[in-house]
C-alpha atoms as a PDB file:
ATOM      1  CA  MET A   1      31.875 104.659  -7.743  1.00  0.00           C
ATOM      2  CA  THR A   2      31.882 102.543  -4.168  1.00  0.00           C
ATOM      3  CA  GLY A   3      33.261  98.969  -4.536  1.00  0.00           C
ATOM      4  CA  MET A   4      33.125  95.457  -2.580  1.00  0.00           C
ATOM      5  CA  VAL A   5      35.061  95.977  -0.391  1.00  0.00           C
ATOM      6  CA  GLU A   6      32.765  99.484   0.872  1.00  0.00           C
ATOM      7  CA  LEU A   7      29.920  96.740   0.270  1.00  0.00           C
ATOM      8  CA  PHE A   8      30.586  94.541   2.508  1.00  0.00           C
ATOM      9  CA  LYS A   9      31.404  97.264   5.706  1.00  0.00           C
ATOM     10  CA  GLN A  10      28.172  97.843   4.677  1.00  0.00           C
ATOM     11  CA  ARG A  11      26.677  94.212   5.352  1.00  0.00           C
ATOM     12  CA  LEU A  12      28.900  94.118   8.385  1.00  0.00           C
ATOM     13  CA  GLN A  13      27.174  96.784  10.005  1.00  0.00           C
ATOM     14  CA  SER A  14      23.470  95.827   8.686  1.00  0.00           C
ATOM     15  CA  GLU A  15      21.744  94.146  11.124  1.00  0.00           C
ATOM     16  CA  LEU A  16      19.870  92.224   7.989  1.00  0.00           C
ATOM     17  CA  TYR A  17      23.402  90.607   8.295  1.00  0.00           C
ATOM     18  CA  ALA A  18      24.245  89.712  11.558  1.00  0.00           C
ATOM     19  CA  ARG A  19      22.650  86.412  11.487  1.00  0.00           C
ATOM     20  CA  TYR A  20      24.458  84.851   8.893  1.00  0.00           C
ATOM     21  CA  ARG A  21      27.987  86.822  10.509  1.00  0.00           C
ATOM     22  CA  ILE A  22      31.042  84.044  12.005  1.00  0.00           C
ATOM     23  CA  ASP A  23      33.587  85.625  14.226  1.00  0.00           C
ATOM     24  CA  SER A  24      34.491  82.351  15.562  1.00  0.00           C
ATOM     25  CA  GLN A  25      38.195  81.741  15.058  1.00  0.00           C
ATOM     26  CA  VAL A  26      37.584  77.956  15.029  1.00  0.00           C
ATOM     27  CA  GLU A  27      34.756  77.866  12.468  1.00  0.00           C
ATOM     28  CA  ILE A  28      36.998  80.419  10.655  1.00  0.00           C
ATOM     29  CA  LEU A  29      39.720  77.847  10.340  1.00  0.00           C
ATOM     30  CA  ALA A  30      37.195  74.912   9.401  1.00  0.00           C
ATOM     31  CA  LEU A  31      35.361  77.687   6.560  1.00  0.00           C
ATOM     32  CA  LEU A  32      38.994  78.023   4.857  1.00  0.00           C
ATOM     33  CA  ARG A  33      40.298  74.307   5.237  1.00  0.00           C
ATOM     34  CA  ALA A  34      37.129  73.509   3.509  1.00  0.00           C
ATOM     35  CA  LEU A  35      37.892  75.764   0.461  1.00  0.00           C
ATOM     36  CA  ARG A  36      41.439  75.125   0.160  1.00  0.00           C
ATOM     37  CA  ASP A  37      40.609  71.329   0.048  1.00  0.00           C
ATOM     38  CA  ALA A  38      37.398  71.969  -2.276  1.00  0.00           C
ATOM     39  CA  ARG A  39      40.190  73.835  -4.393  1.00  0.00           C
ATOM     40  CA  SER A  40      37.547  76.600  -4.404  1.00  0.00           C
ATOM     41  CA  GLN A  41      37.962  79.109  -7.238  1.00  0.00           C
ATOM     42  CA  ILE A  42      37.576  82.770  -5.294  1.00  0.00           C
ATOM     43  CA  VAL A  43      37.311  86.154  -6.097  1.00  0.00           C
ATOM     44  CA  LEU A  44      39.471  88.761  -4.920  1.00  0.00           C
ATOM     45  CA  HIS A  45      38.091  92.432  -5.079  1.00  0.00           C
ATOM     46  CA  PHE A  46      40.262  95.355  -4.632  1.00  0.00           C
ATOM     47  CA  GLY A  47      40.054  99.008  -5.281  1.00  0.00           C
ATOM     48  CA  ALA A  48      36.663 100.465  -6.771  1.00  0.00           C
ATOM     49  CA  GLN A  49      35.990  97.876  -9.779  1.00  0.00           C
ATOM     50  CA  SER A  50      39.185  95.720  -9.416  1.00  0.00           C
ATOM     51  CA  TYR A  51      39.139  92.049  -9.201  1.00  0.00           C
ATOM     52  CA  ILE A  52      41.711  88.654  -9.608  1.00  0.00           C
ATOM     53  CA  VAL A  53      40.668  85.559  -9.397  1.00  0.00           C
ATOM     54  CA  SER A  54      42.984  82.778  -7.371  1.00  0.00           C
ATOM     55  CA  ARG A  55      42.057  79.934  -5.024  1.00  0.00           C
ATOM     56  CA  LEU A  56      43.643  79.492  -1.637  1.00  0.00           C
ATOM     57  CA  LEU A  57      46.877  77.136  -1.426  1.00  0.00           C
ATOM     58  CA  GLU A  58      48.386  76.843   1.776  1.00  0.00           C
ATOM     59  CA  LEU A  59      47.386  77.117   5.322  1.00  0.00           C
ATOM     60  CA  TRP A  60      49.702  78.221   8.680  1.00  0.00           C
ATOM     61  CA  PRO A  61      46.978  77.847  11.198  1.00  0.00           C
ATOM     62  CA  ASP A  62      50.064  78.955  13.989  1.00  0.00           C
ATOM     63  CA  LYS A  63      50.707  82.439  12.351  1.00  0.00           C
ATOM     64  CA  ARG A  64      46.856  83.436  11.158  1.00  0.00           C
ATOM     65  CA  ARG A  65      48.145  83.791   7.122  1.00  0.00           C
ATOM     66  CA  ALA A  66      46.950  81.714   4.131  1.00  0.00           C
ATOM     67  CA  ALA A  67      49.012  81.287   0.596  1.00  0.00           C
ATOM     68  CA  LEU A  68      46.393  82.651  -2.127  1.00  0.00           C
ATOM     69  CA  ASP A  69      46.989  81.890  -5.959  1.00  0.00           C
ATOM     70  CA  PHE A  70      48.231  85.037  -8.118  1.00  0.00           C
ATOM     71  CA  GLY A  71      45.815  85.693 -10.947  1.00  0.00           C
ATOM     72  CA  PRO A  72      47.247  85.472 -14.569  1.00  0.00           C
ATOM     73  CA  ASP A  73      47.195  89.482 -14.959  1.00  0.00           C
ATOM     74  CA  GLU A  74      50.617  90.597 -13.686  1.00  0.00           C
ATOM     75  CA  ALA A  75      49.412  94.484 -13.753  1.00  0.00           C
ATOM     76  CA  ALA A  76      46.393  93.451 -11.704  1.00  0.00           C
ATOM     77  CA  ASN A  77      48.791  91.363  -9.290  1.00  0.00           C
ATOM     78  CA  ALA A  78      50.488  93.987  -8.282  1.00  0.00           C
ATOM     79  CA  ALA A  79      47.848  96.311  -8.067  1.00  0.00           C
ATOM     80  CA  LEU A  80      46.282  94.053  -5.711  1.00  0.00           C
ATOM     81  CA  LEU A  81      49.687  93.963  -3.585  1.00  0.00           C
ATOM     82  CA  ARG A  82      49.114  97.856  -3.104  1.00  0.00           C
ATOM     83  CA  ALA A  83      46.220  97.961  -2.433  1.00  0.00           C
ATOM     84  CA  GLY A  84      47.110  95.934   0.860  1.00  0.00           C
ATOM     85  CA  ARG A  85      43.276  94.599   1.048  1.00  0.00           C
ATOM     86  CA  ALA A  86      39.889  93.242  -0.586  1.00  0.00           C
ATOM     87  CA  VAL A  87      36.774  91.233  -0.087  1.00  0.00           C
ATOM     88  CA  VAL A  88      37.029  87.400  -0.791  1.00  0.00           C
ATOM     89  CA  GLU A  89      33.879  86.213  -2.481  1.00  0.00           C
ATOM     90  CA  THR A  90      33.111  82.518  -3.087  1.00  0.00           C
ATOM     91  CA  GLN A  91      31.235  79.310  -2.485  1.00  0.00           C
ATOM     92  CA  LEU A  92      31.415  76.346  -1.253  1.00  0.00           C
ATOM     93  CA  HIS A  93      28.364  73.512  -1.332  1.00  0.00           C
ATOM     94  CA  GLN A  94      26.209  76.043  -2.847  1.00  0.00           C
ATOM     95  CA  ILE A  95      26.637  78.321   0.169  1.00  0.00           C
ATOM     96  CA  SER A  96      28.007  82.338  -0.598  1.00  0.00           C
ATOM     97  CA  ILE A  97      31.357  83.239   1.603  1.00  0.00           C
ATOM     98  CA  GLN A  98      32.442  86.868   1.961  1.00  0.00           C
ATOM     99  CA  TYR A  99      35.405  87.775   4.247  1.00  0.00           C
ATOM    100  CA  GLU A 100      37.899  90.462   4.021  1.00  0.00           C
ATOM    101  CA  VAL A 101      41.841  89.598   3.837  1.00  0.00           C
ATOM    102  CA  ASP A 102      44.451  92.359   4.128  1.00  0.00           C
ATOM    103  CA  GLY A 103      48.391  92.192   5.481  1.00  0.00           C
ATOM    104  CA  PHE A 104      49.456  91.049   2.285  1.00  0.00           C
ATOM    105  CA  ARG A 105      53.075  90.291   0.790  1.00  0.00           C
ATOM    106  CA  ARG A 106      54.551  88.148  -1.958  1.00  0.00           C
ATOM    107  CA  ILE A 107      55.976  84.667  -1.471  1.00  0.00           C
ATOM    108  CA  GLU A 108      58.075  81.941  -2.789  1.00  0.00           C
ATOM    109  CA  LEU A 109      56.438  78.144  -2.688  1.00  0.00           C
ATOM    110  CA  PRO A 110      57.945  75.222  -4.467  1.00  0.00           C
ATOM    111  CA  ASP A 111      54.889  76.108  -7.228  1.00  0.00           C
ATOM    112  CA  GLY A 112      55.741  79.426  -8.012  1.00  0.00           C
ATOM    113  CA  PRO A 113      55.131  82.573  -6.502  1.00  0.00           C
ATOM    114  CA  ALA A 114      51.520  83.587  -4.306  1.00  0.00           C
ATOM    115  CA  ILE A 115      50.314  86.057  -2.120  1.00  0.00           C
ATOM    116  CA  GLU A 116      50.274  85.477   1.740  1.00  0.00           C
ATOM    117  CA  ALA A 117      47.510  87.220   3.263  1.00  0.00           C
ATOM    118  CA  ALA A 118      46.056  87.204   6.951  1.00  0.00           C
ATOM    119  CA  PHE A 119      42.652  84.775   8.035  1.00  0.00           C
ATOM    120  CA  PRO A 120      40.034  87.100   7.871  1.00  0.00           C
ATOM    121  CA  SER A 121      38.701  88.364  11.275  1.00  0.00           C
ATOM    122  CA  CYS A 122      35.142  87.232  10.287  1.00  0.00           C
ATOM    123  CA  VAL A 123      33.183  86.009   7.344  1.00  0.00           C
ATOM    124  CA  LEU A 124      29.364  85.799   6.370  1.00  0.00           C
ATOM    125  CA  ARG A 125      28.178  82.831   5.137  1.00  0.00           C
ATOM    126  CA  LEU A 126      24.683  83.327   3.046  1.00  0.00           C
ATOM    127  CA  GLN A 127      22.911  80.499   1.392  1.00  0.00           C
ATOM    128  CA  ARG A 128      21.272  81.342  -2.028  1.00  0.00           C
ATOM    129  CA  ARG A 129      17.667  80.545  -0.830  1.00  0.00           C
ATOM    130  CA  GLU A 130      18.381  83.164   1.904  1.00  0.00           C
ATOM    131  CA  ALA A 131      19.397  86.089  -0.500  1.00  0.00           C
ATOM    132  CA  PHE A 132      16.890  88.687   0.923  1.00  0.00           C
ATOM    133  CA  ARG A 133      14.841  89.696  -2.034  1.00  0.00           C
ATOM    134  CA  VAL A 134      13.947  93.164  -1.272  1.00  0.00           C
ATOM    135  CA  PRO A 135      10.644  94.793  -2.881  1.00  0.00           C
ATOM    136  CA  THR A 136      11.424  97.536  -5.722  1.00  0.00           C
ATOM    137  CA  ARG A 137      10.374 101.338  -5.308  1.00  0.00           C
ATOM    138  CA  ILE A 138       6.083 101.448  -6.412  1.00  0.00           C
ATOM    139  CA  THR A 139       7.230 105.347  -7.484  1.00  0.00           C
ATOM    140  CA  GLN A 140       9.828 104.409  -9.077  1.00  0.00           C
ATOM    141  CA  PRO A 141       9.691 101.575 -10.977  1.00  0.00           C
ATOM    142  CA  LEU A 142      11.938  99.092 -12.924  1.00  0.00           C
ATOM    143  CA  HIS A 143      11.685  96.667 -15.730  1.00  0.00           C
ATOM    144  CA  LEU A 144      13.788  94.310 -17.282  1.00  0.00           C
ATOM    145  CA  HIS A 145      13.995  94.539 -21.304  1.00  0.00           C
ATOM    146  CA  VAL A 146      14.100  90.904 -22.898  1.00  0.00           C
ATOM    147  CA  PRO A 147      15.570  90.719 -26.328  1.00  0.00           C
ATOM    148  CA  ALA A 148      13.468  89.194 -28.917  1.00  0.00           C
ATOM    149  CA  GLN A 149      14.806  86.027 -29.237  1.00  0.00           C
ATOM    150  CA  ASP A 150      13.713  81.888 -29.402  1.00  0.00           C
ATOM    151  CA  ASN A 151      11.357  81.881 -26.726  1.00  0.00           C
ATOM    152  CA  CYS A 152      10.397  85.349 -26.695  1.00  0.00           C
ATOM    153  CA  PRO A 153       9.321  86.662 -29.990  1.00  0.00           C
ATOM    154  CA  GLU A 154       9.630  90.123 -29.279  1.00  0.00           C
ATOM    155  CA  GLU A 155      11.117  92.692 -27.162  1.00  0.00           C
ATOM    156  CA  VAL A 156       9.182  93.034 -24.450  1.00  0.00           C
ATOM    157  CA  LYS A 157       9.457  94.899 -20.904  1.00  0.00           C
ATOM    158  CA  LEU A 158       8.846  93.405 -17.755  1.00  0.00           C
ATOM    159  CA  ARG A 159       8.141  95.112 -14.350  1.00  0.00           C
ATOM    160  CA  LEU A 160      10.412  94.405 -11.058  1.00  0.00           C
ATOM    161  CA  VAL A 161       8.580  93.234  -7.658  1.00  0.00           C
ATOM    162  CA  ASP A 162      11.553  92.380  -5.827  1.00  0.00           C
ATOM    163  CA  ILE A 163      15.217  91.682  -6.241  1.00  0.00           C
ATOM    164  CA  SER A 164      18.176  90.067  -4.069  1.00  0.00           C
ATOM    165  CA  ALA A 165      21.791  89.107  -4.990  1.00  0.00           C
ATOM    166  CA  GLY A 166      20.395  85.867  -6.584  1.00  0.00           C
ATOM    167  CA  GLY A 167      17.492  87.151  -9.183  1.00  0.00           C
ATOM    168  CA  ILE A 168      14.527  89.351  -9.143  1.00  0.00           C
ATOM    169  CA  GLY A 169      10.701  89.231  -9.906  1.00  0.00           C
ATOM    170  CA  VAL A 170       9.125  90.258 -12.848  1.00  0.00           C
ATOM    171  CA  LEU A 171       5.001  90.998 -13.529  1.00  0.00           C
ATOM    172  CA  VAL A 172       3.949  89.506 -17.203  1.00  0.00           C
ATOM    173  CA  GLU A 173       0.470  91.571 -18.071  1.00  0.00           C
ATOM    174  CA  GLU A 174      -2.061  89.434 -19.243  1.00  0.00           C
ATOM    175  CA  GLY A 175      -1.790  89.056 -23.396  1.00  0.00           C
ATOM    176  CA  SER A 176       1.686  90.139 -23.672  1.00  0.00           C
ATOM    177  CA  SER A 177       3.638  88.169 -26.353  1.00  0.00           C
ATOM    178  CA  PHE A 178       6.177  86.682 -23.506  1.00  0.00           C
ATOM    179  CA  ALA A 179       4.935  83.193 -22.550  1.00  0.00           C
ATOM    180  CA  PRO A 180       7.035  82.080 -19.538  1.00  0.00           C
ATOM    181  CA  GLN A 181       7.604  78.484 -18.619  1.00  0.00           C
ATOM    182  CA  THR A 182       9.732  77.292 -15.418  1.00  0.00           C
ATOM    183  CA  GLY A 183      13.482  76.243 -17.215  1.00  0.00           C
ATOM    184  CA  MET A 184      13.462  78.916 -19.561  1.00  0.00           C
ATOM    185  CA  VAL A 185      16.150  80.636 -19.898  1.00  0.00           C
ATOM    186  CA  LEU A 186      16.823  84.510 -21.631  1.00  0.00           C
ATOM    187  CA  ARG A 187      19.534  85.773 -22.799  1.00  0.00           C
ATOM    188  CA  GLY A 188      21.159  89.392 -22.946  1.00  0.00           C
ATOM    189  CA  CYS A 189      18.230  90.659 -20.658  1.00  0.00           C
ATOM    190  CA  ARG A 190      19.383  94.395 -19.770  1.00  0.00           C
ATOM    191  CA  LEU A 191      17.877  95.662 -16.188  1.00  0.00           C
ATOM    192  CA  ASP A 192      19.506  99.579 -15.691  1.00  0.00           C
ATOM    193  CA  LEU A 193      19.822 100.338 -11.728  1.00  0.00           C
ATOM    194  CA  PRO A 194      19.321 104.044 -10.978  1.00  0.00           C
ATOM    195  CA  GLN A 195      22.805 105.583  -9.518  1.00  0.00           C
ATOM    196  CA  VAL A 196      24.584 101.943  -9.778  1.00  0.00           C
ATOM    197  CA  GLY A 197      24.956 101.006 -13.485  1.00  0.00           C
ATOM    198  CA  LEU A 198      23.806  98.665 -16.424  1.00  0.00           C
ATOM    199  CA  VAL A 199      23.166  94.964 -15.826  1.00  0.00           C
ATOM    200  CA  VAL A 200      23.369  93.068 -18.916  1.00  0.00           C
ATOM    201  CA  ALA A 201      22.632  89.664 -18.007  1.00  0.00           C
ATOM    202  CA  ASP A 202      21.147  85.825 -18.502  1.00  0.00           C
ATOM    203  CA  VAL A 203      18.164  84.812 -16.653  1.00  0.00           C
ATOM    204  CA  GLU A 204      16.529  81.563 -15.831  1.00  0.00           C
ATOM    205  CA  VAL A 205      12.885  81.455 -14.953  1.00  0.00           C
ATOM    206  CA  ARG A 206      12.668  79.714 -11.805  1.00  0.00           C
ATOM    207  CA  HIS A 207       8.878  79.813 -11.168  1.00  0.00           C
ATOM    208  CA  VAL A 208       5.591  81.047 -12.268  1.00  0.00           C
ATOM    209  CA  ILE A 209       2.820  82.180 -10.144  1.00  0.00           C
ATOM    210  CA  GLN A 210      -0.997  83.738 -11.344  1.00  0.00           C
ATOM    211  CA  ARG A 211      -1.730  86.506  -9.292  1.00  0.00           C
ATOM    212  CA  ASP A 212      -5.469  87.827  -9.878  1.00  0.00           C
ATOM    213  CA  SER A 213      -5.051  91.458  -9.878  1.00  0.00           C
ATOM    214  CA  GLU A 214      -7.153  94.741 -10.826  1.00  0.00           C
ATOM    215  CA  PRO A 215      -7.634  95.665 -13.219  1.00  0.00           C
ATOM    216  CA  LYS A 216      -6.860  92.378 -15.415  1.00  0.00           C
ATOM    217  CA  PRO A 217      -4.860  89.000 -14.492  1.00  0.00           C
ATOM    218  CA  GLN A 218      -0.825  88.437 -13.836  1.00  0.00           C
ATOM    219  CA  LEU A 219       1.931  86.311 -14.226  1.00  0.00           C
ATOM    220  CA  GLN A 220       4.507  86.663 -11.599  1.00  0.00           C
ATOM    221  CA  CYS A 221       7.924  85.356 -12.710  1.00  0.00           C
ATOM    222  CA  GLY A 222      10.961  84.587  -9.971  1.00  0.00           C
ATOM    223  CA  MET A 223      14.101  84.839 -12.348  1.00  0.00           C
ATOM    224  CA  ARG A 224      17.846  83.591 -11.254  1.00  0.00           C
ATOM    225  CA  PHE A 225      20.579  85.132 -12.062  1.00  0.00           C
ATOM    226  CA  LEU A 226      23.041  83.161 -14.521  1.00  0.00           C
ATOM    227  CA  ALA A 227      26.664  83.197 -13.963  1.00  0.00           C
ATOM    228  CA  LEU A 228      26.580  87.487 -13.210  1.00  0.00           C
ATOM    229  CA  PRO A 229      30.351  88.701 -13.830  1.00  0.00           C
ATOM    230  CA  PRO A 230      31.659  89.789 -10.727  1.00  0.00           C
ATOM    231  CA  GLN A 231      31.237  94.273 -11.479  1.00  0.00           C
ATOM    232  CA  MET A 232      27.616  92.986 -12.537  1.00  0.00           C
ATOM    233  CA  SER A 233      27.041  91.404  -8.947  1.00  0.00           C
ATOM    234  CA  ASN A 234      28.241  94.407  -7.906  1.00  0.00           C
ATOM    235  CA  PHE A 235      26.138  96.648  -8.940  1.00  0.00           C
ATOM    236  CA  VAL A 236      23.452  94.238  -7.832  1.00  0.00           C
ATOM    237  CA  GLN A 237      24.495  93.727  -4.248  1.00  0.00           C
ATOM    238  CA  ARG A 238      25.095  97.678  -4.342  1.00  0.00           C
ATOM    239  CA  PHE A 239      21.664  98.283  -5.603  1.00  0.00           C
ATOM    240  CA  VAL A 240      20.095  95.853  -2.789  1.00  0.00           C
ATOM    241  CA  MET A 241      21.834  97.545  -0.018  1.00  0.00           C
ATOM    242  CA  GLN A 242      20.923 101.175  -1.234  1.00  0.00           C
ATOM    243  CA  LEU A 243      17.169  99.372  -1.636  1.00  0.00           C
ATOM    244  CA  GLU A 244      17.797  97.906   2.080  1.00  0.00           C
ATOM    245  CA  ARG A 245      18.791 100.987   3.825  1.00  0.00           C
ATOM    246  CA  GLU A 246      15.737 103.216   2.185  1.00  0.00           C
ATOM    247  CA  TRP A 247      13.196 100.743   3.136  1.00  0.00           C
ATOM    248  CA  ARG A 248      14.345 100.755   7.071  1.00  0.00           C
ATOM    249  CA  LYS A 249      14.079 104.788   6.703  1.00  0.00           C
ATOM    250  CA  LEU A 250      10.471 103.603   6.552  1.00  0.00           C
ATOM    251  CA  ARG A 251      10.090 101.513   9.480  1.00  0.00           C
END
């Protein structure tokens, strides 16, 4: 199964992400300093589906090396060191940051053990509002399954029209028992992504638009994912990349 490391490599090779790439070492150092000073939580993805949660502790610009905190699971820490490389996912001021690190070795700092790693050679910086929304296939419709709950009296199935790393667009047929409203939160929704996996997520309705569709009107809702676990986020991003490749072939 393709992991975040492979997904990151695919993004670096995609022309769709070229304008979000930072290669300037001066800018990269400034970004790393901001992440360290903000004590931003970072997720280190390695292997197929493994990760640890960490943060930046120290920077040594002259050596182009950084110190990262170990996670609480010693077995996962050891596996990370053996892997030798990882893809970092984090956020700074609502901006998604991704980069690859390698050259791991265990070191001792005054506060305890840490992971030393090389500075990244490049960084992807993507604002949430700029997350790519990719149309889903009309010939192979996908559906969001919403279980019955306080603001949804019975289980409903909503057809997807697009998807991005941050959320989805769905259609609500006229006469549906589901009445979406901006700000509504739906818990435990299921989305089966072909060739990728099942995503179970809470979503928030961000906007509702009336569409005068034939043969009957529909509502189109924009929804955002709430606190997706790393594995689920990985599934969504892999599926978005898969759709992007398919659409490029049709151009």
